[in-house]
Amino acid sequence: MLFTDDVSPLPSDVGYRGPTACNAAGITYRQLDYWARTGLIEPTVRGASGSGSQRLYSFRDILILKVIKRLLDAGISLQQIRTAVSHLRERGTDDLTQVTLMSDGASVYECTSNDEVIDLLQGGQGVFGIAIGGVWREIEGTLAQLPSERAAEPGAAPSARDELAARRAARKTG
């Protein structure tokens, strides 16, 4: 079944650093950095705020990264992917698990029911599909084994897990 995925909601303040996001999405850090700088996908938990700051990507950001990677692997142009990602952003991400992205190699189509998939295939247009619910479960399993961190409130003391940030804060107050 393409459209009956039941996935659990995730906390919005949990983020994953760039290398972890790359590992889960199967992309290089260079791709991640380029896509962030060009606005294709920007971290929603915490953006970069100067030299040495760490971007934090949400679960949904990593889901979109993985979808982008799959579309690239299927030969879709980055321009078409930008259009598809923009559409997904406008649509909202709450019900992404109910979406299957189909493509004919040139365009990307959103299907939200089995009938739409069948219509697309009968028209001879669909070549491959990405069931986002399946990608969601795959990333959930991968991220369960990788480190995450909670985003600190603005002005809050740094996490004890970030030793360098703790030293800087101690130097400022000390």
N, C-alpha and C. Protein backbone atom coordinates (compact mmCIF):
# COMPACT_ATOMS: atom_id res chain seq x y z
N MET A 1 0.84 -1.18 0.00
CA MET A 1 0.00 0.00 0.00
C MET A 1 0.88 1.24 0.00
N LEU A 2 0.62 2.12 -0.91
CA LEU A 2 1.42 3.33 -1.02
C LEU A 2 1.00 4.40 -0.03
N PHE A 3 -0.26 4.46 0.34
CA PHE A 3 -0.77 5.65 1.02
C PHE A 3 -1.35 5.39 2.39
N THR A 4 -0.96 4.34 3.06
CA THR A 4 -1.53 4.06 4.37
C THR A 4 -0.46 4.07 5.46
N ASP A 5 0.56 4.88 5.30
CA ASP A 5 1.65 4.91 6.26
C ASP A 5 1.23 5.59 7.55
N ASP A 6 1.61 4.98 8.67
CA ASP A 6 1.35 5.53 9.98
C ASP A 6 2.70 5.77 10.63
N VAL A 7 3.07 7.04 10.78
CA VAL A 7 4.38 7.34 11.35
C VAL A 7 4.19 8.21 12.58
N SER A 8 5.16 8.15 13.48
CA SER A 8 5.05 8.88 14.73
C SER A 8 5.58 10.30 14.57
N PRO A 9 4.94 11.27 15.24
CA PRO A 9 5.43 12.64 15.20
C PRO A 9 6.74 12.75 15.97
N LEU A 10 7.58 13.67 15.57
CA LEU A 10 8.88 13.84 16.20
C LEU A 10 8.98 15.22 16.83
N PRO A 11 9.76 15.36 17.91
CA PRO A 11 9.91 16.67 18.55
C PRO A 11 10.55 17.67 17.59
N SER A 12 10.09 18.92 17.63
CA SER A 12 10.59 19.93 16.69
C SER A 12 11.90 20.55 17.14
N ASP A 13 12.31 20.33 18.40
CA ASP A 13 13.56 20.94 18.88
C ASP A 13 14.74 19.97 18.83
N VAL A 14 14.55 18.78 18.28
CA VAL A 14 15.64 17.83 18.13
C VAL A 14 16.26 18.04 16.76
N GLY A 15 17.59 18.18 16.75
CA GLY A 15 18.27 18.41 15.49
C GLY A 15 19.47 17.50 15.32
N TYR A 16 19.93 17.45 14.10
CA TYR A 16 21.06 16.61 13.74
C TYR A 16 22.08 17.47 13.03
N ARG A 17 23.33 17.33 13.41
CA ARG A 17 24.40 18.10 12.77
C ARG A 17 24.60 17.64 11.33
N GLY A 18 25.29 18.47 10.57
CA GLY A 18 25.50 18.21 9.15
C GLY A 18 26.02 16.83 8.82
N PRO A 19 27.10 16.36 9.46
CA PRO A 19 27.61 15.03 9.11
C PRO A 19 26.59 13.91 9.36
N THR A 20 25.79 14.06 10.42
CA THR A 20 24.76 13.06 10.71
C THR A 20 23.67 13.11 9.63
N ALA A 21 23.26 14.33 9.24
CA ALA A 21 22.26 14.49 8.19
C ALA A 21 22.76 13.87 6.88
N CYS A 22 24.04 14.10 6.57
CA CYS A 22 24.63 13.53 5.35
C CYS A 22 24.59 12.01 5.39
N ASN A 23 24.97 11.45 6.52
CA ASN A 23 24.99 10.00 6.69
C ASN A 23 23.59 9.43 6.48
N ALA A 24 22.59 10.03 7.10
CA ALA A 24 21.22 9.51 7.00
C ALA A 24 20.64 9.68 5.60
N ALA A 25 21.00 10.77 4.92
CA ALA A 25 20.44 11.03 3.58
C ALA A 25 21.26 10.41 2.46
N GLY A 26 22.48 9.99 2.77
CA GLY A 26 23.32 9.38 1.74
C GLY A 26 23.93 10.39 0.79
N ILE A 27 24.24 11.59 1.30
CA ILE A 27 24.83 12.64 0.46
C ILE A 27 26.17 13.06 1.05
N THR A 28 26.92 13.86 0.29
CA THR A 28 28.20 14.36 0.79
C THR A 28 27.97 15.67 1.53
N TYR A 29 28.93 16.01 2.37
CA TYR A 29 28.82 17.28 3.11
C TYR A 29 28.88 18.45 2.14
N ARG A 30 29.64 18.28 1.06
CA ARG A 30 29.74 19.35 0.05
C ARG A 30 28.36 19.62 -0.58
N GLN A 31 27.60 18.56 -0.87
CA GLN A 31 26.25 18.74 -1.40
C GLN A 31 25.37 19.46 -0.38
N LEU A 32 25.42 19.01 0.86
CA LEU A 32 24.61 19.60 1.92
C LEU A 32 24.90 21.10 2.05
N ASP A 33 26.17 21.44 2.08
CA ASP A 33 26.57 22.84 2.22
C ASP A 33 26.10 23.67 1.03
N TYR A 34 26.28 23.14 -0.18
CA TYR A 34 25.85 23.86 -1.38
C TYR A 34 24.34 24.08 -1.38
N TRP A 35 23.58 23.03 -1.04
CA TRP A 35 22.13 23.15 -1.04
C TRP A 35 21.66 24.13 0.02
N ALA A 36 22.36 24.19 1.16
CA ALA A 36 22.00 25.15 2.21
C ALA A 36 22.31 26.57 1.76
N ARG A 37 23.48 26.77 1.14
CA ARG A 37 23.86 28.11 0.70
C ARG A 37 22.99 28.61 -0.44
N THR A 38 22.48 27.73 -1.28
CA THR A 38 21.64 28.15 -2.41
C THR A 38 20.16 28.13 -2.07
N GLY A 39 19.82 27.73 -0.84
CA GLY A 39 18.42 27.79 -0.41
C GLY A 39 17.56 26.61 -0.82
N LEU A 40 18.16 25.56 -1.37
CA LEU A 40 17.36 24.38 -1.73
C LEU A 40 16.77 23.75 -0.48
N ILE A 41 17.60 23.54 0.52
CA ILE A 41 17.12 23.02 1.80
C ILE A 41 17.95 23.67 2.90
N GLU A 42 17.28 24.39 3.77
CA GLU A 42 17.95 25.06 4.87
C GLU A 42 17.54 24.40 6.17
N PRO A 43 18.46 24.34 7.14
CA PRO A 43 18.14 23.69 8.41
C PRO A 43 17.05 24.47 9.15
N THR A 44 16.05 23.76 9.66
CA THR A 44 14.94 24.43 10.34
C THR A 44 15.11 24.47 11.85
N VAL A 45 15.98 23.64 12.42
CA VAL A 45 16.18 23.68 13.87
C VAL A 45 17.11 24.82 14.23
N ARG A 46 18.26 24.91 13.53
CA ARG A 46 19.19 26.01 13.78
C ARG A 46 20.05 26.21 12.54
N GLY A 47 20.02 27.43 12.00
CA GLY A 47 20.84 27.76 10.85
C GLY A 47 22.23 28.16 11.27
N ALA A 48 23.11 28.31 10.29
CA ALA A 48 24.47 28.75 10.57
C ALA A 48 24.43 30.23 10.92
N SER A 49 25.16 30.60 11.97
CA SER A 49 25.17 32.01 12.39
C SER A 49 26.60 32.51 12.53
N GLY A 50 27.41 32.21 11.56
CA GLY A 50 28.79 32.67 11.59
C GLY A 50 29.76 31.51 11.59
N SER A 51 31.03 31.85 11.56
CA SER A 51 32.09 30.85 11.51
C SER A 51 32.06 29.97 12.76
N GLY A 52 32.12 28.68 12.53
CA GLY A 52 32.17 27.73 13.65
C GLY A 52 30.81 27.32 14.20
N SER A 53 29.75 27.94 13.74
CA SER A 53 28.42 27.55 14.24
C SER A 53 27.97 26.28 13.53
N GLN A 54 27.17 25.51 14.22
CA GLN A 54 26.71 24.22 13.69
C GLN A 54 25.25 24.33 13.25
N ARG A 55 24.99 23.97 12.00
CA ARG A 55 23.61 23.88 11.55
C ARG A 55 22.99 22.64 12.19
N LEU A 56 21.70 22.74 12.52
CA LEU A 56 20.97 21.56 13.01
C LEU A 56 19.79 21.32 12.10
N TYR A 57 19.73 20.13 11.55
CA TYR A 57 18.67 19.74 10.61
C TYR A 57 17.62 18.92 11.35
N SER A 58 16.36 19.21 11.06
CA SER A 58 15.26 18.45 11.66
C SER A 58 15.09 17.13 10.91
N PHE A 59 14.29 16.26 11.49
CA PHE A 59 13.98 15.00 10.83
C PHE A 59 13.37 15.26 9.45
N ARG A 60 12.45 16.21 9.37
CA ARG A 60 11.80 16.51 8.08
C ARG A 60 12.79 17.06 7.07
N ASP A 61 13.77 17.87 7.54
CA ASP A 61 14.82 18.35 6.63
C ASP A 61 15.56 17.16 6.03
N ILE A 62 15.91 16.19 6.87
CA ILE A 62 16.65 15.02 6.40
C ILE A 62 15.78 14.19 5.46
N LEU A 63 14.49 14.12 5.74
CA LEU A 63 13.57 13.43 4.83
C LEU A 63 13.61 14.08 3.45
N ILE A 64 13.55 15.40 3.40
CA ILE A 64 13.61 16.11 2.12
C ILE A 64 14.98 15.87 1.46
N LEU A 65 16.06 15.89 2.24
CA LEU A 65 17.39 15.62 1.68
C LEU A 65 17.44 14.24 1.01
N LYS A 66 16.86 13.25 1.67
CA LYS A 66 16.85 11.89 1.12
C LYS A 66 16.02 11.82 -0.16
N VAL A 67 14.89 12.53 -0.18
CA VAL A 67 14.06 12.57 -1.40
C VAL A 67 14.84 13.25 -2.53
N ILE A 68 15.52 14.35 -2.22
CA ILE A 68 16.34 15.04 -3.22
C ILE A 68 17.39 14.08 -3.78
N LYS A 69 18.04 13.35 -2.91
CA LYS A 69 19.07 12.39 -3.33
C LYS A 69 18.48 11.33 -4.26
N ARG A 70 17.31 10.82 -3.91
CA ARG A 70 16.68 9.80 -4.76
C ARG A 70 16.30 10.36 -6.12
N LEU A 71 15.81 11.61 -6.14
CA LEU A 71 15.45 12.25 -7.41
C LEU A 71 16.70 12.47 -8.27
N LEU A 72 17.79 12.91 -7.64
CA LEU A 72 19.05 13.08 -8.38
C LEU A 72 19.53 11.76 -8.95
N ASP A 73 19.46 10.71 -8.14
CA ASP A 73 19.89 9.38 -8.59
C ASP A 73 19.05 8.89 -9.78
N ALA A 74 17.81 9.36 -9.86
CA ALA A 74 16.93 8.94 -10.95
C ALA A 74 17.11 9.81 -12.19
N GLY A 75 18.01 10.80 -12.11
CA GLY A 75 18.31 11.61 -13.28
C GLY A 75 17.49 12.88 -13.40
N ILE A 76 16.78 13.26 -12.35
CA ILE A 76 16.00 14.49 -12.39
C ILE A 76 16.96 15.67 -12.23
N SER A 77 16.72 16.74 -13.00
CA SER A 77 17.60 17.91 -12.93
C SER A 77 17.39 18.64 -11.61
N LEU A 78 18.44 19.32 -11.16
CA LEU A 78 18.37 20.08 -9.91
C LEU A 78 17.30 21.18 -10.02
N GLN A 79 17.12 21.73 -11.21
CA GLN A 79 16.08 22.75 -11.41
C GLN A 79 14.69 22.17 -11.17
N GLN A 80 14.42 20.97 -11.69
CA GLN A 80 13.13 20.32 -11.45
C GLN A 80 12.97 19.96 -9.97
N ILE A 81 14.07 19.54 -9.34
CA ILE A 81 14.02 19.20 -7.93
C ILE A 81 13.70 20.43 -7.10
N ARG A 82 14.29 21.57 -7.45
CA ARG A 82 13.98 22.82 -6.73
C ARG A 82 12.48 23.13 -6.82
N THR A 83 11.91 22.92 -7.99
CA THR A 83 10.47 23.16 -8.17
C THR A 83 9.66 22.20 -7.30
N ALA A 84 10.04 20.93 -7.29
CA ALA A 84 9.32 19.93 -6.50
C ALA A 84 9.43 20.23 -5.00
N VAL A 85 10.63 20.59 -4.54
CA VAL A 85 10.83 20.90 -3.12
C VAL A 85 10.04 22.15 -2.73
N SER A 86 10.04 23.14 -3.60
CA SER A 86 9.26 24.35 -3.34
C SER A 86 7.78 24.01 -3.21
N HIS A 87 7.30 23.14 -4.09
CA HIS A 87 5.90 22.71 -4.02
C HIS A 87 5.62 21.99 -2.70
N LEU A 88 6.52 21.10 -2.30
CA LEU A 88 6.33 20.36 -1.05
C LEU A 88 6.33 21.30 0.16
N ARG A 89 7.18 22.35 0.11
CA ARG A 89 7.20 23.33 1.20
C ARG A 89 5.87 24.07 1.28
N GLU A 90 5.36 24.52 0.13
CA GLU A 90 4.08 25.25 0.09
C GLU A 90 2.95 24.36 0.58
N ARG A 91 3.03 23.11 0.27
CA ARG A 91 2.00 22.15 0.63
C ARG A 91 1.99 21.87 2.13
N GLY A 92 3.16 21.99 2.76
CA GLY A 92 3.29 21.65 4.17
C GLY A 92 3.82 20.25 4.30
N THR A 93 4.41 19.96 5.45
CA THR A 93 5.05 18.65 5.61
C THR A 93 4.29 17.73 6.54
N ASP A 94 3.15 18.16 7.07
CA ASP A 94 2.43 17.33 8.02
C ASP A 94 1.95 16.01 7.42
N ASP A 95 1.57 16.03 6.16
CA ASP A 95 1.02 14.81 5.56
C ASP A 95 1.89 14.29 4.42
N LEU A 96 3.18 14.51 4.50
CA LEU A 96 4.07 14.04 3.43
C LEU A 96 4.05 12.53 3.28
N THR A 97 3.75 11.82 4.36
CA THR A 97 3.76 10.37 4.27
C THR A 97 2.64 9.86 3.37
N GLN A 98 1.70 10.70 3.05
CA GLN A 98 0.59 10.32 2.17
C GLN A 98 0.90 10.60 0.70
N VAL A 99 2.12 11.06 0.41
CA VAL A 99 2.50 11.47 -0.94
C VAL A 99 3.45 10.46 -1.55
N THR A 100 3.23 10.17 -2.82
CA THR A 100 4.19 9.43 -3.62
C THR A 100 4.59 10.34 -4.76
N LEU A 101 5.89 10.55 -4.90
CA LEU A 101 6.39 11.35 -6.01
C LEU A 101 6.66 10.42 -7.18
N MET A 102 6.13 10.76 -8.33
CA MET A 102 6.33 9.98 -9.55
C MET A 102 7.06 10.88 -10.54
N SER A 103 7.82 10.26 -11.43
CA SER A 103 8.53 11.04 -12.43
C SER A 103 8.65 10.27 -13.73
N ASP A 104 8.71 11.04 -14.80
CA ASP A 104 8.95 10.46 -16.11
C ASP A 104 10.38 10.73 -16.56
N GLY A 105 11.20 11.21 -15.62
CA GLY A 105 12.58 11.52 -15.94
C GLY A 105 12.78 12.98 -16.28
N ALA A 106 11.70 13.70 -16.55
CA ALA A 106 11.80 15.13 -16.85
C ALA A 106 11.00 15.95 -15.86
N SER A 107 9.82 15.48 -15.51
CA SER A 107 8.95 16.20 -14.57
C SER A 107 8.68 15.34 -13.35
N VAL A 108 8.30 16.00 -12.26
CA VAL A 108 7.96 15.31 -11.03
C VAL A 108 6.49 15.55 -10.75
N TYR A 109 5.76 14.48 -10.43
CA TYR A 109 4.32 14.57 -10.17
C TYR A 109 4.05 14.11 -8.74
N GLU A 110 3.10 14.76 -8.11
CA GLU A 110 2.68 14.38 -6.76
C GLU A 110 1.41 13.57 -6.86
N CYS A 111 1.42 12.39 -6.27
CA CYS A 111 0.24 11.53 -6.25
C CYS A 111 -0.14 11.28 -4.79
N THR A 112 -1.41 11.46 -4.48
CA THR A 112 -1.87 11.26 -3.10
C THR A 112 -2.89 10.14 -2.99
N SER A 113 -3.12 9.44 -4.09
CA SER A 113 -4.03 8.30 -4.03
C SER A 113 -3.57 7.23 -5.02
N ASN A 114 -4.00 6.02 -4.78
CA ASN A 114 -3.66 4.93 -5.70
C ASN A 114 -4.20 5.19 -7.10
N ASP A 115 -5.38 5.83 -7.19
CA ASP A 115 -5.97 6.12 -8.50
C ASP A 115 -5.09 7.07 -9.31
N GLU A 116 -4.49 8.07 -8.65
CA GLU A 116 -3.62 9.00 -9.37
C GLU A 116 -2.38 8.29 -9.90
N VAL A 117 -1.84 7.37 -9.13
CA VAL A 117 -0.68 6.61 -9.58
C VAL A 117 -1.06 5.77 -10.79
N ILE A 118 -2.18 5.10 -10.72
CA ILE A 118 -2.64 4.25 -11.83
C ILE A 118 -2.88 5.09 -13.07
N ASP A 119 -3.54 6.26 -12.91
CA ASP A 119 -3.79 7.14 -14.06
C ASP A 119 -2.48 7.58 -14.71
N LEU A 120 -1.51 7.93 -13.89
CA LEU A 120 -0.23 8.38 -14.41
C LEU A 120 0.47 7.25 -15.16
N LEU A 121 0.44 6.05 -14.61
CA LEU A 121 1.08 4.91 -15.25
C LEU A 121 0.36 4.51 -16.53
N GLN A 122 -0.96 4.57 -16.52
CA GLN A 122 -1.72 4.21 -17.72
C GLN A 122 -1.48 5.20 -18.85
N GLY A 123 -1.20 6.45 -18.48
CA GLY A 123 -0.90 7.46 -19.50
C GLY A 123 0.50 7.31 -20.05
N GLY A 124 1.26 6.37 -19.52
CA GLY A 124 2.60 6.13 -20.01
C GLY A 124 3.61 7.15 -19.51
N GLN A 125 3.25 7.93 -18.48
CA GLN A 125 4.15 8.98 -18.04
C GLN A 125 5.08 8.55 -16.91
N GLY A 126 4.59 7.77 -15.98
CA GLY A 126 5.39 7.44 -14.80
C GLY A 126 6.47 6.44 -15.10
N VAL A 127 7.67 6.71 -14.63
CA VAL A 127 8.78 5.80 -14.80
C VAL A 127 9.18 5.22 -13.45
N PHE A 128 9.18 6.04 -12.42
CA PHE A 128 9.54 5.57 -11.09
C PHE A 128 8.77 6.38 -10.07
N GLY A 129 8.70 5.85 -8.87
CA GLY A 129 8.01 6.55 -7.79
C GLY A 129 8.78 6.48 -6.50
N ILE A 130 8.57 7.47 -5.66
CA ILE A 130 9.18 7.51 -4.33
C ILE A 130 8.04 7.65 -3.33
N ALA A 131 7.76 6.60 -2.56
CA ALA A 131 6.75 6.66 -1.51
C ALA A 131 7.42 7.30 -0.30
N ILE A 132 7.03 8.51 0.02
CA ILE A 132 7.71 9.26 1.07
C ILE A 132 7.55 8.59 2.43
N GLY A 133 6.45 7.91 2.66
CA GLY A 133 6.27 7.18 3.92
C GLY A 133 7.34 6.13 4.12
N GLY A 134 7.73 5.45 3.05
CA GLY A 134 8.79 4.45 3.13
C GLY A 134 10.14 5.09 3.43
N VAL A 135 10.40 6.24 2.81
CA VAL A 135 11.64 6.97 3.08
C VAL A 135 11.65 7.42 4.54
N TRP A 136 10.48 7.85 5.03
CA TRP A 136 10.34 8.29 6.42
C TRP A 136 10.77 7.18 7.38
N ARG A 137 10.24 5.98 7.18
CA ARG A 137 10.58 4.86 8.06
C ARG A 137 12.07 4.49 7.96
N GLU A 138 12.61 4.57 6.76
CA GLU A 138 14.02 4.26 6.56
C GLU A 138 14.91 5.24 7.33
N ILE A 139 14.60 6.52 7.26
CA ILE A 139 15.39 7.54 7.96
C ILE A 139 15.20 7.40 9.47
N GLU A 140 13.98 7.09 9.89
CA GLU A 140 13.72 6.88 11.33
C GLU A 140 14.65 5.80 11.88
N GLY A 141 14.79 4.72 11.14
CA GLY A 141 15.65 3.62 11.57
C GLY A 141 17.12 4.03 11.58
N THR A 142 17.55 4.77 10.57
CA THR A 142 18.94 5.21 10.50
C THR A 142 19.26 6.19 11.62
N LEU A 143 18.37 7.19 11.84
CA LEU A 143 18.65 8.22 12.83
C LEU A 143 18.59 7.69 14.26
N ALA A 144 17.89 6.59 14.48
CA ALA A 144 17.82 6.02 15.82
C ALA A 144 19.20 5.60 16.30
N GLN A 145 20.10 5.34 15.36
CA GLN A 145 21.44 4.89 15.70
C GLN A 145 22.47 6.02 15.66
N LEU A 146 22.05 7.23 15.30
CA LEU A 146 22.99 8.35 15.15
C LEU A 146 22.74 9.41 16.22
N PRO A 147 23.76 10.23 16.54
CA PRO A 147 23.61 11.23 17.60
C PRO A 147 22.71 12.39 17.18
N SER A 148 21.93 12.87 18.15
CA SER A 148 21.09 14.05 17.94
C SER A 148 21.35 14.99 19.10
N GLU A 149 20.82 16.20 18.99
CA GLU A 149 20.92 17.14 20.10
C GLU A 149 19.71 18.05 20.09
N ARG A 150 19.41 18.55 21.26
CA ARG A 150 18.29 19.48 21.38
C ARG A 150 18.80 20.88 21.10
N ALA A 151 17.99 21.67 20.42
CA ALA A 151 18.35 23.05 20.15
C ALA A 151 18.23 23.85 21.43
N ALA A 152 19.25 24.62 21.75
CA ALA A 152 19.22 25.45 22.96
C ALA A 152 18.37 26.69 22.71
N GLU A 153 17.71 27.15 23.73
CA GLU A 153 16.96 28.40 23.63
C GLU A 153 17.96 29.53 23.41
N PRO A 154 17.58 30.59 22.65
CA PRO A 154 18.49 31.70 22.44
C PRO A 154 18.90 32.31 23.79
N GLY A 155 20.19 32.48 23.98
CA GLY A 155 20.70 33.06 25.21
C GLY A 155 20.89 32.05 26.33
N ALA A 156 20.52 30.80 26.10
CA ALA A 156 20.67 29.76 27.12
C ALA A 156 22.12 29.30 27.19
N ALA A 157 22.46 28.72 28.31
CA ALA A 157 23.82 28.19 28.47
C ALA A 157 24.03 27.04 27.50
N PRO A 158 25.23 26.89 26.99
CA PRO A 158 25.48 25.81 26.04
C PRO A 158 25.34 24.45 26.69
N SER A 159 25.05 23.48 25.88
CA SER A 159 24.91 22.11 26.35
C SER A 159 26.24 21.61 26.90
N ALA A 160 26.17 20.81 27.93
CA ALA A 160 27.40 20.26 28.50
C ALA A 160 28.08 19.31 27.51
N ARG A 161 27.34 18.81 26.54
CA ARG A 161 27.92 17.90 25.55
C ARG A 161 28.83 18.63 24.58
N ASP A 162 28.67 19.96 24.46
CA ASP A 162 29.48 20.74 23.55
C ASP A 162 30.60 21.39 24.34
N GLU A 163 31.71 20.70 24.47
CA GLU A 163 32.81 21.14 25.33
C GLU A 163 33.38 22.48 24.90
N LEU A 164 33.55 22.69 23.60
CA LEU A 164 34.12 23.94 23.12
C LEU A 164 33.21 25.12 23.46
N ALA A 165 31.90 24.96 23.25
CA ALA A 165 30.97 26.02 23.58
C ALA A 165 30.97 26.31 25.08
N ALA A 166 31.09 25.28 25.90
CA ALA A 166 31.14 25.47 27.35
C ALA A 166 32.38 26.26 27.74
N ARG A 167 33.53 25.97 27.11
CA ARG A 167 34.76 26.72 27.40
C ARG A 167 34.61 28.19 27.00
N ARG A 168 34.02 28.44 25.82
CA ARG A 168 33.82 29.82 25.38
C ARG A 168 32.93 30.57 26.35
N ALA A 169 31.86 29.94 26.78
CA ALA A 169 30.93 30.60 27.72
C ALA A 169 31.61 30.89 29.05
N ALA A 170 32.44 29.94 29.49
CA ALA A 170 33.16 30.15 30.75
C ALA A 170 34.15 31.29 30.63
N ARG A 171 34.80 31.42 29.49
CA ARG A 171 35.76 32.49 29.26
C ARG A 171 35.05 33.85 29.25
N LYS A 172 33.83 33.91 28.65
CA LYS A 172 33.08 35.16 28.59
C LYS A 172 32.62 35.60 29.97
N THR A 173 32.20 34.67 30.80
CA THR A 173 31.66 35.01 32.12
C THR A 173 32.74 35.07 33.18
N GLY A 174 33.88 34.45 32.91
CA GLY A 174 34.92 34.27 33.90
C GLY A 174 35.82 35.42 34.03
